[in-house]
Each structure stands twice: as C-alpha cells, then as structure tokens.
C-alpha atoms as a PDB file:
ATOM      1  CA  MET A   1      38.947  66.882 130.851  1.00  0.00           C
ATOM      2  CA  ASN A   2      41.951  67.398 133.169  1.00  0.00           C
ATOM      3  CA  LEU A   3      41.988  69.847 136.405  1.00  0.00           C
ATOM      4  CA  THR A   4      43.022  73.004 134.567  1.00  0.00           C
ATOM      5  CA  GLU A   5      40.759  72.433 131.803  1.00  0.00           C
ATOM      6  CA  LYS A   6      37.591  72.074 134.199  1.00  0.00           C
ATOM      7  CA  VAL A   7      39.060  75.442 135.879  1.00  0.00           C
ATOM      8  CA  ALA A   8      39.169  77.170 132.429  1.00  0.00           C
ATOM      9  CA  TYR A   9      35.753  75.743 131.643  1.00  0.00           C
ATOM     10  CA  LEU A  10      34.556  77.534 134.868  1.00  0.00           C
ATOM     11  CA  LYS A  11      36.006  80.599 134.124  1.00  0.00           C
ATOM     12  CA  GLY A  12      34.491  80.885 130.814  1.00  0.00           C
ATOM     13  CA  LEU A  13      30.826  80.353 132.389  1.00  0.00           C
ATOM     14  CA  VAL A  14      31.109  82.936 134.865  1.00  0.00           C
ATOM     15  CA  GLU A  15      32.806  85.185 132.024  1.00  0.00           C
ATOM     16  CA  GLY A  16      29.470  84.340 130.051  1.00  0.00           C
ATOM     17  CA  LEU A  17      27.129  85.404 132.897  1.00  0.00           C
ATOM     18  CA  LYS A  18      28.356  88.974 132.204  1.00  0.00           C
ATOM     19  CA  LEU A  19      28.054  89.877 135.656  1.00  0.00           C
ATOM     20  CA  ASP A  20      28.531  93.447 137.448  1.00  0.00           C
ATOM     21  CA  GLU A  21      32.462  93.254 138.032  1.00  0.00           C
ATOM     22  CA  LYS A  22      32.037  95.854 140.958  1.00  0.00           C
ATOM     23  CA  ASP A  23      29.408  93.631 142.886  1.00  0.00           C
ATOM     24  CA  ASP A  24      31.323  92.350 145.888  1.00  0.00           C
ATOM     25  CA  THR A  25      29.800  88.661 144.993  1.00  0.00           C
ATOM     26  CA  VAL A  26      31.268  88.329 141.399  1.00  0.00           C
ATOM     27  CA  LYS A  27      34.480  89.818 142.933  1.00  0.00           C
ATOM     28  CA  VAL A  28      34.341  86.532 145.677  1.00  0.00           C
ATOM     29  CA  ILE A  29      33.757  84.295 142.650  1.00  0.00           C
ATOM     30  CA  ASN A  30      36.399  85.812 140.510  1.00  0.00           C
ATOM     31  CA  ALA A  31      39.035  85.253 143.383  1.00  0.00           C
ATOM     32  CA  ILE A  32      37.673  81.377 144.054  1.00  0.00           C
ATOM     33  CA  ILE A  33      38.162  80.717 140.238  1.00  0.00           C
ATOM     34  CA  ASP A  34      41.623  82.401 140.446  1.00  0.00           C
ATOM     35  CA  VAL A  35      42.650  80.247 143.495  1.00  0.00           C
ATOM     36  CA  LEU A  36      41.478  77.239 141.865  1.00  0.00           C
ATOM     37  CA  ASP A  37      43.493  78.018 139.121  1.00  0.00           C
ATOM     38  CA  ASP A  38      46.446  78.298 140.555  1.00  0.00           C
ATOM     39  CA  MET A  39      45.833  75.028 142.605  1.00  0.00           C
ATOM     40  CA  ALA A  40      45.127  73.520 139.310  1.00  0.00           C
ATOM     41  CA  LEU A  41      48.414  74.612 137.826  1.00  0.00           C
ATOM     42  CA  THR A  42      49.812  73.173 141.210  1.00  0.00           C
ATOM     43  CA  VAL A  43      48.605  70.044 140.907  1.00  0.00           C
ATOM     44  CA  SER A  44      49.531  69.574 137.273  1.00  0.00           C
ATOM     45  CA  ASP A  45      53.282  70.397 138.359  1.00  0.00           C
ATOM     46  CA  LEU A  46      53.003  67.977 141.157  1.00  0.00           C
ATOM     47  CA  ASP A  47      51.613  65.051 138.643  1.00  0.00           C
ATOM     48  CA  ASP A  48      54.438  65.634 136.125  1.00  0.00           C
ATOM     49  CA  GLU A  49      57.025  65.548 139.079  1.00  0.00           C
ATOM     50  CA  VAL A  50      55.866  62.339 140.738  1.00  0.00           C
ATOM     51  CA  GLU A  51      55.337  60.659 137.062  1.00  0.00           C
ATOM     52  CA  LEU A  52      59.024  61.902 136.558  1.00  0.00           C
ATOM     53  CA  ILE A  53      60.085  60.396 139.682  1.00  0.00           C
ATOM     54  CA  GLY A  54      58.088  56.998 139.347  1.00  0.00           C
ATOM     55  CA  ALA A  55      60.025  56.672 135.852  1.00  0.00           C
ATOM     56  CA  GLN A  56      63.623  57.282 137.728  1.00  0.00           C
ATOM     57  CA  LEU A  57      62.435  54.907 140.653  1.00  0.00           C
ATOM     58  CA  ASP A  58      61.819  52.121 137.913  1.00  0.00           C
ATOM     59  CA  GLU A  59      65.117  52.864 136.378  1.00  0.00           C
ATOM     60  CA  VAL A  60      67.034  52.342 140.121  1.00  0.00           C
ATOM     61  CA  ASP A  61      64.762  49.249 140.455  1.00  0.00           C
ATOM     62  CA  ASP A  62      65.720  47.653 137.301  1.00  0.00           C
ATOM     63  CA  ASP A  63      69.488  48.677 137.829  1.00  0.00           C
ATOM     64  CA  LEU A  64      69.302  47.136 141.589  1.00  0.00           C
ATOM     65  CA  ALA A  65      67.540  43.679 140.174  1.00  0.00           C
ATOM     66  CA  LEU A  66      70.683  43.772 138.023  1.00  0.00           C
ATOM     67  CA  LEU A  67      73.355  44.472 140.805  1.00  0.00           C
ATOM     68  CA  GLU A  68      71.347  41.581 142.867  1.00  0.00           C
ATOM     69  CA  ASP A  69      71.466  39.022 140.215  1.00  0.00           C
ATOM     70  CA  ASP A  70      75.139  39.687 139.595  1.00  0.00           C
ATOM     71  CA  PHE A  71      75.946  39.830 143.381  1.00  0.00           C
ATOM     72  CA  TYR A  72      73.755  36.673 144.431  1.00  0.00           C
ATOM     73  CA  GLU A  73      74.810  34.367 141.684  1.00  0.00           C
ATOM     74  CA  ASP A  74      78.750  34.811 142.314  1.00  0.00           C
ATOM     75  CA  TRP A  75      78.011  34.647 145.632  1.00  0.00           C
ATOM     76  CA  GLU A  76      76.493  31.078 145.611  1.00  0.00           C
ATOM     77  CA  ASP A  77      79.342  29.776 143.288  1.00  0.00           C
ATOM     78  CA  GLU A  78      82.121  30.769 145.334  1.00  0.00           C
ATOM     79  CA  ASP A  79      83.823  28.604 147.989  1.00  0.00           C
ATOM     80  CA  TYR A  80      83.404  29.997 151.071  1.00  0.00           C
ATOM     81  CA  ASP A  81      87.186  28.934 152.516  1.00  0.00           C
ATOM     82  CA  ASP A  82      88.424  31.347 150.122  1.00  0.00           C
ATOM     83  CA  TYR A  83      87.790  33.981 152.608  1.00  0.00           C
ATOM     84  CA  GLY A  84      89.904  33.043 155.397  1.00  0.00           C
ATOM     85  CA  GLU A  85      87.093  32.911 157.783  1.00  0.00           C
ATOM     86  CA  GLU A  86      84.322  30.231 158.258  1.00  0.00           C
ATOM     87  CA  MET A  87      80.900  31.325 156.909  1.00  0.00           C
ATOM     88  CA  PHE A  88      77.722  30.574 158.582  1.00  0.00           C
ATOM     89  CA  GLU A  89      74.384  30.143 156.888  1.00  0.00           C
ATOM     90  CA  VAL A  90      71.490  31.122 157.992  1.00  0.00           C
ATOM     91  CA  VAL A  91      67.438  31.364 157.134  1.00  0.00           C
ATOM     92  CA  CYS A  92      66.148  34.410 158.196  1.00  0.00           C
ATOM     93  CA  PRO A  93      62.848  33.527 160.040  1.00  0.00           C
ATOM     94  CA  ALA A  94      61.434  36.985 159.334  1.00  0.00           C
ATOM     95  CA  CYS A  95      61.890  36.893 155.497  1.00  0.00           C
ATOM     96  CA  GLY A  96      63.013  33.414 154.754  1.00  0.00           C
ATOM     97  CA  GLU A  97      66.170  34.329 152.540  1.00  0.00           C
ATOM     98  CA  THR A  98      69.189  32.439 153.099  1.00  0.00           C
ATOM     99  CA  VAL A  99      71.954  34.748 154.436  1.00  0.00           C
ATOM    100  CA  TYR A 100      75.502  34.273 155.362  1.00  0.00           C
ATOM    101  CA  PHE A 101      77.728  35.566 158.125  1.00  0.00           C
ATOM    102  CA  GLU A 102      81.325  35.506 159.072  1.00  0.00           C
ATOM    103  CA  ASP A 103      82.033  33.719 162.333  1.00  0.00           C
ATOM    104  CA  SER A 104      83.486  37.061 163.544  1.00  0.00           C
ATOM    105  CA  ALA A 105      79.796  38.765 162.992  1.00  0.00           C
ATOM    106  CA  LEU A 106      78.568  35.950 165.649  1.00  0.00           C
ATOM    107  CA  ASP A 107      80.724  37.908 168.323  1.00  0.00           C
ATOM    108  CA  ASP A 108      78.279  40.406 168.438  1.00  0.00           C
ATOM    109  CA  ASP A 109      75.117  39.933 170.495  1.00  0.00           C
ATOM    110  CA  TYR A 110      73.040  40.245 167.352  1.00  0.00           C
ATOM    111  CA  VAL A 111      73.328  40.306 163.427  1.00  0.00           C
ATOM    112  CA  LEU A 112      70.805  42.286 161.139  1.00  0.00           C
ATOM    113  CA  CYS A 113      69.758  40.221 158.052  1.00  0.00           C
ATOM    114  CA  PRO A 114      70.946  41.898 155.063  1.00  0.00           C
ATOM    115  CA  ALA A 115      67.648  41.115 153.111  1.00  0.00           C
ATOM    116  CA  CYS A 116      64.917  42.367 155.566  1.00  0.00           C
ATOM    117  CA  GLY A 117      67.009  44.219 158.384  1.00  0.00           C
ATOM    118  CA  GLU A 118      65.390  41.512 161.207  1.00  0.00           C
ATOM    119  CA  LYS A 119      67.372  41.400 164.015  1.00  0.00           C
ATOM    120  CA  LEU A 120      68.862  37.713 164.387  1.00  0.00           C
ATOM    121  CA  GLU A 121      70.032  36.960 167.902  1.00  0.00           C
ATOM    122  CA  PHE A 122      71.756  33.412 168.349  1.00  0.00           C
ATOM    123  CA  ASP A 123      71.812  31.423 171.548  1.00  0.00           C
ATOM    124  CA  PHE A 124      74.983  29.557 172.043  1.00  0.00           C
ATOM    125  CA  ASP A 125      74.599  28.864 175.469  1.00  0.00           C
ATOM    126  CA  LEU A 126      72.672  25.713 174.728  1.00  0.00           C
ATOM    127  CA  ASP A 127      75.524  24.500 172.985  1.00  0.00           C
ATOM    128  CA  GLU A 128      78.036  25.179 175.607  1.00  0.00           C
ATOM    129  CA  GLU A 129      75.996  23.140 177.878  1.00  0.00           C
ATOM    130  CA  GLU A 130      75.849  20.091 175.806  1.00  0.00           C
ATOM    131  CA  GLU A 131      79.468  20.368 175.564  1.00  0.00           C
ATOM    132  CA  ASP A 132      79.969  20.338 179.256  1.00  0.00           C
ATOM    133  CA  LYS A 133      78.026  17.198 179.716  1.00  0.00           C
ATOM    134  CA  GLU A 134      80.239  15.277 177.057  1.00  0.00           C
END
C-alpha cells in the first residue's frame, strides 16, 4: 500500500464512522486528512520526478563512460611529440590517476588534476639547486 492509498483508507475510515460534520473535532480531523492527502500526492509526484531524473542521470553516466573510453584510449595511443610541446606525465597523489600536462602548464604555481580536481604543486627549486652544484 503506497502513501496515497493509506490516506484514502484513513479518509474512508473517518467517513465510515458517520460522525457529525458540524462538530469541531470532526472538522479538524477532516482538515488533517485533506492536508495528508495533498502531502501524499506531492510526495508521489516527487517520487516520479526523482525516478525520471535517476534514469536520465544513468543515461548521461553511460554516455560519459563511452566518451572517457574513447578519449583516454586515443590519448594513450598518441605520440606526445605531435603536440609540439613537451608533455609531462604525473600520478596524482590524491586519486592515483595518471594525468598529462603540457610544459607550459607547469609555468603556473599549480595545476588541477583533471580526474579529481586536486591542486597539484611542483617544486622546481630543488632541481635548480642540483644544477647549480654541478
């Protein structure tokens, strides 16, 4: 029995009692049942909407998975020299995903991991100090 059916059952029980409609208590009970009926219909509508949105989200997720498969498959097979700029491969410490950045992206103070959005910072001062020693 769903929520609207339960409210209808309550409404039937109250009507079956054959109470005096002029009594204030009966008026309050009828008003409460009317509010419950409205709420049950609203909840039923929301359930339908959530189910529809869930189905649409599943379709988007499937489409995105296909796009990711196509993109990452092509990305791994390509020669990075074709881009004209040197590429760096980095394993994100937050999500463990291997991501690729162009040399110019490292000029900024940080880059964002495209997989999880984690802020990745690179410290090149150590490399410069080692070069100075040589």
